[in-house]
Amino acid sequence: MAIEIKYELANHNGKDVIYIHFERNLELNERVKKLVGVKWSNSKKAWMYT
């Protein structure tokens, strides 16, 4: 089954960022967590690439 991933361009504290949204998936979370420049945003409930 394919995982739907959505990207959202936004501005966070004056910086352009990309939010990465997808259904909860532990394997994908572990992979995204290791990417440089990516961190979890509690307020958006999404990964944020700066």
N, C-alpha and C. Protein backbone atom coordinates (compact mmCIF):
# COMPACT_ATOMS: atom_id res chain seq x y z
N MET A 1 0.84 -1.18 0.00
CA MET A 1 0.00 0.00 0.00
C MET A 1 0.88 1.24 0.00
N ALA A 2 0.57 2.19 -0.85
CA ALA A 2 1.37 3.41 -0.97
C ALA A 2 1.04 4.38 0.16
N ILE A 3 2.04 5.09 0.59
CA ILE A 3 1.87 6.10 1.63
C ILE A 3 1.74 7.46 0.96
N GLU A 4 0.70 8.19 1.31
CA GLU A 4 0.51 9.53 0.75
C GLU A 4 1.35 10.52 1.55
N ILE A 5 2.21 11.25 0.85
CA ILE A 5 3.06 12.26 1.48
C ILE A 5 2.71 13.61 0.87
N LYS A 6 2.45 14.59 1.73
CA LYS A 6 2.11 15.94 1.27
C LYS A 6 3.18 16.92 1.75
N TYR A 7 3.48 17.89 0.90
CA TYR A 7 4.47 18.92 1.22
C TYR A 7 3.76 20.26 1.27
N GLU A 8 4.13 21.08 2.25
CA GLU A 8 3.52 22.39 2.42
C GLU A 8 4.62 23.44 2.56
N LEU A 9 4.64 24.39 1.65
CA LEU A 9 5.58 25.51 1.75
C LEU A 9 5.03 26.50 2.75
N ALA A 10 5.87 26.99 3.65
CA ALA A 10 5.40 27.89 4.69
C ALA A 10 6.55 28.76 5.18
N ASN A 11 6.21 29.67 6.08
CA ASN A 11 7.19 30.53 6.73
C ASN A 11 7.08 30.29 8.22
N HIS A 12 8.21 30.00 8.86
CA HIS A 12 8.24 29.74 10.29
C HIS A 12 9.30 30.63 10.92
N ASN A 13 8.88 31.54 11.78
CA ASN A 13 9.81 32.47 12.45
C ASN A 13 10.70 33.20 11.45
N GLY A 14 10.11 33.64 10.32
CA GLY A 14 10.85 34.41 9.34
C GLY A 14 11.69 33.58 8.38
N LYS A 15 11.62 32.25 8.48
CA LYS A 15 12.40 31.38 7.59
C LYS A 15 11.45 30.58 6.71
N ASP A 16 11.82 30.42 5.45
CA ASP A 16 11.05 29.56 4.56
C ASP A 16 11.32 28.11 4.92
N VAL A 17 10.26 27.33 5.06
CA VAL A 17 10.38 25.92 5.44
C VAL A 17 9.44 25.08 4.57
N ILE A 18 9.66 23.78 4.61
CA ILE A 18 8.76 22.83 3.96
C ILE A 18 8.29 21.86 5.04
N TYR A 19 6.97 21.77 5.21
CA TYR A 19 6.40 20.79 6.13
C TYR A 19 6.11 19.52 5.36
N ILE A 20 6.41 18.39 5.97
CA ILE A 20 6.20 17.09 5.36
C ILE A 20 5.14 16.36 6.19
N HIS A 21 4.00 16.09 5.56
CA HIS A 21 2.88 15.45 6.24
C HIS A 21 2.67 14.04 5.69
N PHE A 22 2.44 13.08 6.59
CA PHE A 22 2.04 11.73 6.19
C PHE A 22 1.43 11.04 7.40
N GLU A 23 0.62 10.00 7.12
CA GLU A 23 0.02 9.21 8.20
C GLU A 23 1.13 8.62 9.06
N ARG A 24 0.82 8.36 10.30
CA ARG A 24 1.83 7.80 11.21
C ARG A 24 2.39 6.50 10.63
N ASN A 25 3.72 6.46 10.51
CA ASN A 25 4.41 5.29 9.96
C ASN A 25 5.79 5.25 10.61
N LEU A 26 6.00 4.29 11.47
CA LEU A 26 7.24 4.25 12.26
C LEU A 26 8.48 4.14 11.38
N GLU A 27 8.44 3.31 10.34
CA GLU A 27 9.61 3.16 9.47
C GLU A 27 9.94 4.46 8.75
N LEU A 28 8.93 5.12 8.21
CA LEU A 28 9.14 6.39 7.51
C LEU A 28 9.60 7.47 8.49
N ASN A 29 9.04 7.49 9.70
CA ASN A 29 9.48 8.45 10.72
C ASN A 29 10.97 8.30 11.00
N GLU A 30 11.43 7.06 11.14
CA GLU A 30 12.85 6.82 11.42
C GLU A 30 13.73 7.31 10.28
N ARG A 31 13.29 7.13 9.06
CA ARG A 31 14.07 7.59 7.90
C ARG A 31 14.12 9.11 7.82
N VAL A 32 12.97 9.75 8.01
CA VAL A 32 12.90 11.22 7.92
C VAL A 32 13.71 11.85 9.04
N LYS A 33 13.65 11.25 10.23
CA LYS A 33 14.35 11.77 11.41
C LYS A 33 15.86 11.89 11.16
N LYS A 34 16.42 11.06 10.28
CA LYS A 34 17.86 11.05 10.02
C LYS A 34 18.29 12.06 8.97
N LEU A 35 17.35 12.71 8.29
CA LEU A 35 17.70 13.69 7.26
C LEU A 35 18.26 14.95 7.89
N VAL A 36 19.25 15.53 7.27
CA VAL A 36 19.87 16.76 7.76
C VAL A 36 18.89 17.93 7.54
N GLY A 37 18.71 18.74 8.57
CA GLY A 37 17.86 19.92 8.46
C GLY A 37 16.39 19.66 8.71
N VAL A 38 16.05 18.45 9.16
CA VAL A 38 14.65 18.11 9.41
C VAL A 38 14.43 17.93 10.91
N LYS A 39 13.34 18.50 11.42
CA LYS A 39 12.97 18.29 12.82
C LYS A 39 11.46 18.26 12.93
N TRP A 40 10.96 17.72 14.03
CA TRP A 40 9.54 17.57 14.26
C TRP A 40 8.94 18.88 14.76
N SER A 41 7.80 19.26 14.22
CA SER A 41 7.06 20.43 14.68
C SER A 41 5.83 19.95 15.44
N ASN A 42 5.82 20.17 16.74
CA ASN A 42 4.67 19.78 17.55
C ASN A 42 3.42 20.57 17.19
N SER A 43 3.59 21.85 16.88
CA SER A 43 2.42 22.68 16.59
C SER A 43 1.75 22.29 15.28
N LYS A 44 2.52 21.87 14.28
CA LYS A 44 1.97 21.47 12.97
C LYS A 44 1.76 19.96 12.88
N LYS A 45 2.29 19.20 13.84
CA LYS A 45 2.22 17.74 13.81
C LYS A 45 2.75 17.21 12.47
N ALA A 46 3.93 17.73 12.10
CA ALA A 46 4.56 17.37 10.83
C ALA A 46 6.06 17.56 10.96
N TRP A 47 6.80 16.93 10.04
CA TRP A 47 8.23 17.15 9.96
C TRP A 47 8.47 18.47 9.25
N MET A 48 9.48 19.20 9.65
CA MET A 48 9.78 20.51 9.09
C MET A 48 11.22 20.53 8.57
N TYR A 49 11.37 20.85 7.30
CA TYR A 49 12.69 20.98 6.68
C TYR A 49 13.03 22.45 6.58
N THR A 50 14.18 22.84 7.14
CA THR A 50 14.58 24.25 7.13
C THR A 50 15.72 24.48 6.15
